[in-house]
Amino acid sequence: MKENDGQHLVYHEFAPVYDQHSRILILGSFPSVKSREQQFYYGHPQNRFWKLLAGLLQIPVPESIEEKKQMLLTHHIALWDVIASCEITGSSDASIRNVVPNDISKILQEAPIEKIIANGTKAYELYQKYIYPSTGQCCQKMPSTSPANAAWNMGRLMESWQTVIPAK
């Protein structure tokens, strides 16, 4: 990690979750400090991602990393982030600079991805700028599950996200 004007150069250090049956790819921007500490996605206790997904799939909220991975794979969902490394202050998407994108081509080659979803505006903007030009695959922007997106309560999130993650 390198510090520069309050920014830290940080690398994404955990693998994407997917298998050869994944049909939906959900992309975040970059892991939060809590997620980086836990070495897994959406680790902040106030992030609503796991509760939202479990609610949409009508299953109990997974607790452990293994349960979360199993839920994703059972429901043919892949999960990764747009950014491989960047300079960032804490967990602030607004502070992201000097982006190096992840190469999602391996997932697209190994899994029959039918839909790519961006979890939030920043993930969508980064996808459009860095990944869309090489893949040509459209990405659907969804409201962020981050606690910073307080304007969207769980009911509104469920209503919006159910258009892209239908109940089984």
Protein backbone atom coordinates (compact mmCIF):
# COMPACT_ATOMS: atom_id res chain seq x y z
CA MET A 1 0.00 0.00 0.00
CA LYS A 2 1.39 3.41 -0.96
CA GLU A 3 0.13 6.63 0.59
CA ASN A 4 -0.19 9.76 -1.55
CA ASP A 5 -2.06 12.89 -0.42
CA GLY A 6 -4.33 10.87 1.88
CA GLN A 7 -4.91 8.32 -0.86
CA HIS A 8 -3.75 4.73 -0.65
CA LEU A 9 -2.77 2.60 -3.62
CA VAL A 10 -4.76 -0.56 -2.99
CA TYR A 11 -5.01 -3.85 -4.87
CA HIS A 12 -8.05 -6.12 -5.12
CA GLU A 13 -6.76 -9.25 -3.42
CA PHE A 14 -9.58 -11.78 -3.57
CA ALA A 15 -10.89 -13.80 -6.45
CA PRO A 16 -14.16 -13.46 -8.33
CA VAL A 17 -16.93 -15.89 -7.48
CA TYR A 18 -18.27 -17.77 -10.51
CA ASP A 19 -18.43 -21.16 -12.17
CA GLN A 20 -19.34 -22.58 -15.56
CA HIS A 21 -23.06 -22.21 -14.74
CA SER A 22 -23.04 -18.50 -13.83
CA ARG A 23 -25.53 -16.51 -15.89
CA ILE A 24 -25.63 -13.17 -14.08
CA LEU A 25 -22.50 -11.15 -13.27
CA ILE A 26 -22.82 -8.51 -10.55
CA LEU A 27 -19.99 -5.99 -10.43
CA GLY A 28 -19.17 -3.60 -7.62
CA SER A 29 -16.64 -0.81 -7.92
CA PHE A 30 -13.94 -1.76 -5.38
CA PRO A 31 -14.03 -3.50 -1.98
CA SER A 32 -14.62 -1.35 1.09
CA VAL A 33 -12.11 -1.28 3.93
CA LYS A 34 -14.25 -3.84 5.82
CA SER A 35 -14.45 -6.09 2.76
CA ARG A 36 -10.68 -5.88 2.30
CA GLU A 37 -10.19 -6.81 5.97
CA GLN A 38 -12.51 -9.83 5.59
CA GLN A 39 -11.16 -10.70 2.12
CA PHE A 40 -14.67 -11.00 0.72
CA TYR A 41 -17.37 -8.91 -0.90
CA TYR A 42 -19.78 -6.59 0.89
CA GLY A 43 -18.24 -7.08 4.31
CA HIS A 44 -19.50 -3.88 5.90
CA PRO A 45 -22.28 -4.87 8.34
CA GLN A 46 -24.50 -2.03 7.09
CA ASN A 47 -24.19 -2.98 3.41
CA ARG A 48 -27.49 -4.47 2.31
CA PHE A 49 -26.17 -6.66 -0.53
CA TRP A 50 -26.48 -10.08 1.16
CA LYS A 51 -29.86 -9.27 2.76
CA LEU A 52 -31.16 -7.95 -0.55
CA LEU A 53 -30.01 -10.97 -2.57
CA ALA A 54 -31.34 -13.43 0.00
CA GLY A 55 -34.68 -11.59 0.04
CA LEU A 56 -34.93 -11.65 -3.74
CA LEU A 57 -34.05 -15.35 -3.86
CA GLN A 58 -36.40 -16.06 -0.93
CA ILE A 59 -33.75 -17.83 1.15
CA PRO A 60 -32.13 -17.20 4.55
CA VAL A 61 -29.39 -14.57 4.66
CA PRO A 62 -26.02 -16.32 4.40
CA GLU A 63 -23.59 -15.63 7.24
CA SER A 64 -20.23 -17.20 6.41
CA ILE A 65 -18.13 -16.59 3.31
CA GLU A 66 -18.72 -20.20 2.26
CA GLU A 67 -22.51 -19.79 2.62
CA LYS A 68 -22.35 -16.61 0.55
CA LYS A 69 -20.35 -18.31 -2.20
CA GLN A 70 -22.74 -21.27 -2.19
CA MET A 71 -25.77 -18.97 -2.47
CA LEU A 72 -24.25 -17.18 -5.45
CA LEU A 73 -23.23 -20.33 -7.29
CA THR A 74 -26.49 -22.18 -6.55
CA HIS A 75 -28.38 -19.31 -8.15
CA HIS A 76 -25.96 -18.94 -11.10
CA ILE A 77 -24.69 -15.55 -9.99
CA ALA A 78 -21.10 -14.41 -10.46
CA LEU A 79 -19.61 -11.62 -8.36
CA TRP A 80 -16.57 -9.40 -8.85
CA ASP A 81 -15.50 -5.77 -8.93
CA VAL A 82 -14.62 -3.52 -11.84
CA ILE A 83 -11.34 -2.33 -10.30
CA ALA A 84 -8.15 -4.40 -9.89
CA SER A 85 -6.24 -1.55 -8.23
CA CYS A 86 -6.67 2.15 -7.58
CA GLU A 87 -5.82 4.99 -5.28
CA ILE A 88 -8.60 5.44 -2.74
CA THR A 89 -9.25 7.17 0.55
CA GLY A 90 -10.88 4.69 2.93
CA SER A 91 -13.94 3.22 1.22
CA SER A 92 -14.98 6.36 -0.67
CA ASP A 93 -15.95 5.68 -4.28
CA ALA A 94 -15.78 9.43 -4.88
CA SER A 95 -12.05 9.41 -4.06
CA ILE A 96 -11.09 6.67 -6.56
CA ARG A 97 -8.24 7.65 -8.88
CA ASN A 98 -5.73 5.95 -11.17
CA VAL A 99 -7.91 2.94 -11.91
CA VAL A 100 -6.59 -0.32 -13.27
CA PRO A 101 -9.62 -2.42 -14.27
CA ASN A 102 -10.10 -6.14 -13.70
CA ASP A 103 -10.08 -8.29 -16.82
CA ILE A 104 -13.51 -9.89 -16.83
CA SER A 105 -12.91 -11.67 -20.15
CA LYS A 106 -12.02 -14.94 -18.37
CA ILE A 107 -15.43 -15.01 -16.67
CA LEU A 108 -17.16 -14.18 -19.95
CA GLN A 109 -15.28 -17.00 -21.72
CA GLU A 110 -15.86 -19.61 -19.02
CA ALA A 111 -19.45 -18.85 -18.02
CA PRO A 112 -22.59 -18.26 -20.10
CA ILE A 113 -23.15 -14.75 -18.70
CA GLU A 114 -26.45 -13.38 -20.01
CA LYS A 115 -26.64 -10.22 -17.90
CA ILE A 116 -24.09 -7.88 -16.33
CA ILE A 117 -25.29 -5.74 -13.44
CA ALA A 118 -23.48 -2.80 -11.84
CA ASN A 119 -24.14 -2.37 -8.13
CA GLY A 120 -24.29 1.43 -8.08
CA THR A 121 -23.47 4.38 -10.26
CA LYS A 122 -19.70 4.32 -9.72
CA ALA A 123 -19.45 0.64 -10.73
CA TYR A 124 -21.53 1.42 -13.82
CA GLU A 125 -19.44 4.45 -14.80
CA LEU A 126 -16.20 2.51 -14.34
CA TYR A 127 -17.57 -0.42 -16.33
CA GLN A 128 -18.59 1.88 -19.18
CA LYS A 129 -15.21 3.60 -19.23
CA TYR A 130 -12.83 0.66 -18.77
CA ILE A 131 -14.57 -2.62 -19.60
CA TYR A 132 -17.38 -2.01 -22.09
CA PRO A 133 -14.97 -0.88 -24.85
CA SER A 134 -13.24 -4.29 -24.78
CA THR A 135 -16.27 -6.54 -24.21
CA GLY A 136 -19.06 -4.69 -26.01
CA GLN A 137 -21.46 -6.22 -23.46
CA CYS A 138 -24.07 -3.92 -22.01
CA CYS A 139 -24.29 -3.44 -18.27
CA GLN A 140 -27.41 -2.55 -16.32
CA LYS A 141 -27.01 0.05 -13.56
CA MET A 142 -28.82 -0.75 -10.32
CA PRO A 143 -29.06 1.34 -7.15
CA SER A 144 -26.17 0.71 -4.77
CA THR A 145 -26.66 -1.50 -1.74
CA SER A 146 -24.09 0.62 0.15
CA PRO A 147 -25.16 2.29 3.39
CA ALA A 148 -24.01 5.55 1.75
CA ASN A 149 -27.05 5.23 -0.54
CA ALA A 150 -29.47 6.12 2.25
CA ALA A 151 -32.07 7.49 -0.18
CA TRP A 152 -32.87 3.90 -1.13
CA ASN A 153 -34.43 1.91 1.70
CA MET A 154 -34.61 -1.88 1.54
CA GLY A 155 -38.13 -1.85 0.09
CA ARG A 156 -37.10 0.38 -2.81
CA LEU A 157 -33.96 -1.67 -3.40
CA MET A 158 -35.98 -4.91 -3.49
CA GLU A 159 -38.49 -3.43 -5.91
CA SER A 160 -35.76 -2.20 -8.24
CA TRP A 161 -33.44 -5.20 -8.07
CA GLN A 162 -36.24 -7.75 -8.57
CA THR A 163 -36.30 -6.70 -12.22
CA VAL A 164 -32.80 -8.16 -12.68
CA ILE A 165 -32.70 -10.91 -10.01
CA PRO A 166 -36.04 -12.68 -10.23
CA ALA A 167 -37.18 -14.97 -7.42
CA LYS A 168 -36.65 -18.63 -8.17
